[in-house]
Amino acid sequence: MSQGAQIVNLSGTFENGVKGWLPYFASKRALEDFTVGLSQELAEAGIYVNAVSPSDTATESYAKFFPQYMAEAVAPEVVAQEIVQLCQAGNKTTGQVLVVQRNRGVSVGFHL
């Protein structure tokens, strides 16, 4: 990868743990920690690494399995917009996990 390249990992949030979802939670947290570590490893090469961690996202699959929560879900376009912003030329943000939530907007941090 060349200097100025962007890597954006896609994570996900759950505000409360749910029995049976431990592998999912663990993998998402591991991806976020990997993102931060990789950003440090690639900093000298000028490669920027971030993650976007949306809360429930209003996809067809989500509607099928969790219709009762669709009103609270984030539009996929909002998540995509954050990814596009991170990939803009000249963006030097690195080592961040951007949490996208419908009624809270975007914040920096891990699983809030």
Protein backbone atom coordinates (compact mmCIF):
# COMPACT_ATOMS: atom_id res chain seq x y z
CA MET A 1 0.00 0.00 0.00
CA SER A 2 1.20 3.47 -0.75
CA GLN A 3 1.58 6.44 1.57
CA GLY A 4 -1.76 8.10 2.26
CA ALA A 5 -3.70 4.85 1.83
CA GLN A 6 -6.73 4.28 4.05
CA ILE A 7 -7.86 1.05 5.70
CA VAL A 8 -11.34 1.07 7.23
CA ASN A 9 -12.52 -1.96 9.20
CA LEU A 10 -16.21 -2.48 9.86
CA SER A 11 -17.06 -3.48 13.40
CA GLY A 12 -20.39 -3.32 15.21
CA THR A 13 -21.92 -2.56 18.57
CA PHE A 14 -24.32 -4.05 21.03
CA GLU A 15 -25.21 -1.80 23.92
CA ASN A 16 -25.98 -4.76 26.15
CA GLY A 17 -24.60 -8.27 26.03
CA VAL A 18 -26.91 -11.00 24.85
CA LYS A 19 -26.53 -14.65 25.82
CA GLY A 20 -25.24 -16.74 22.95
CA TRP A 21 -23.49 -13.88 21.17
CA LEU A 22 -20.09 -14.14 22.90
CA PRO A 23 -18.13 -15.08 19.73
CA TYR A 24 -19.63 -12.06 17.94
CA PHE A 25 -18.79 -9.66 20.79
CA ALA A 26 -15.28 -11.03 21.14
CA SER A 27 -14.56 -10.83 17.41
CA LYS A 28 -15.79 -7.24 17.13
CA ARG A 29 -13.73 -6.10 20.11
CA ALA A 30 -10.70 -7.93 18.73
CA LEU A 31 -11.16 -6.19 15.37
CA GLU A 32 -11.27 -2.79 17.10
CA ASP A 33 -8.09 -3.54 19.08
CA PHE A 34 -6.46 -4.83 15.87
CA THR A 35 -7.42 -1.56 14.15
CA VAL A 36 -5.71 0.55 16.81
CA GLY A 37 -2.62 -1.67 16.83
CA LEU A 38 -2.35 -1.76 13.04
CA SER A 39 -2.63 2.03 12.90
CA GLN A 40 0.46 2.23 15.11
CA GLU A 41 2.33 -0.35 13.03
CA LEU A 42 1.62 1.47 9.76
CA ALA A 43 1.99 5.06 10.99
CA GLU A 44 5.57 5.45 9.74
CA ALA A 45 4.47 4.27 6.28
CA GLY A 46 1.80 7.00 6.20
CA ILE A 47 -1.06 4.50 6.04
CA TYR A 48 -4.17 5.39 8.04
CA VAL A 49 -6.24 2.71 9.77
CA ASN A 50 -9.64 3.23 11.39
CA ALA A 51 -12.83 1.35 12.13
CA VAL A 52 -16.50 2.24 11.87
CA SER A 53 -18.68 0.57 14.49
CA PRO A 54 -22.36 1.08 13.72
CA SER A 55 -25.12 0.17 16.10
CA ASP A 56 -28.05 -1.81 14.69
CA THR A 57 -28.21 -1.09 10.96
CA ALA A 58 -31.46 -1.05 9.00
CA THR A 59 -30.69 -3.76 6.47
CA GLU A 60 -33.05 -6.35 4.96
CA SER A 61 -31.48 -9.03 7.13
CA TYR A 62 -31.87 -6.95 10.28
CA ALA A 63 -35.53 -6.26 9.44
CA LYS A 64 -36.13 -9.98 9.01
CA PHE A 65 -34.66 -11.00 12.37
CA PHE A 66 -35.29 -7.90 14.51
CA PRO A 67 -38.34 -6.08 13.09
CA GLN A 68 -39.24 -4.72 16.51
CA TYR A 69 -36.05 -2.61 16.57
CA MET A 70 -36.09 -1.19 13.03
CA ALA A 71 -37.24 2.25 14.19
CA GLU A 72 -34.04 2.55 16.24
CA ALA A 73 -31.67 1.28 13.55
CA VAL A 74 -29.15 3.41 11.67
CA ALA A 75 -29.66 3.83 7.92
CA PRO A 76 -26.94 2.04 5.91
CA GLU A 77 -26.30 5.30 4.05
CA VAL A 78 -25.25 6.98 7.30
CA VAL A 79 -22.71 4.24 7.96
CA ALA A 80 -21.46 4.44 4.37
CA GLN A 81 -21.07 8.21 4.67
CA GLU A 82 -18.71 7.79 7.63
CA ILE A 83 -16.62 5.27 5.70
CA VAL A 84 -16.43 7.57 2.67
CA GLN A 85 -15.37 10.50 4.87
CA LEU A 86 -12.54 8.45 6.35
CA CYS A 87 -11.36 7.57 2.83
CA GLN A 88 -11.24 11.15 1.55
CA ALA A 89 -7.87 12.23 0.20
CA GLY A 90 -5.94 14.15 2.81
CA ASN A 91 -7.79 12.67 5.79
CA LYS A 92 -5.12 11.86 8.36
CA THR A 93 -7.39 10.37 11.01
CA THR A 94 -5.88 7.13 12.28
CA GLY A 95 -6.29 4.70 15.14
CA GLN A 96 -9.92 5.64 15.77
CA VAL A 97 -13.07 3.61 16.21
CA LEU A 98 -16.05 5.72 15.11
CA VAL A 99 -19.25 4.56 16.77
CA VAL A 100 -22.35 5.41 14.70
CA GLN A 101 -25.67 5.45 16.55
CA ARG A 102 -29.02 6.66 15.27
CA ASN A 103 -29.99 9.09 18.03
CA ARG A 104 -26.48 9.86 19.25
CA GLY A 105 -24.66 10.56 16.01
CA VAL A 106 -20.98 9.67 15.70
CA SER A 107 -18.59 9.41 18.63
CA VAL A 108 -15.04 8.19 19.01
CA GLY A 109 -14.50 5.18 21.23
CA PHE A 110 -15.16 1.52 21.73
CA HIS A 111 -18.54 -0.16 22.23
CA LEU A 112 -20.30 2.59 24.15
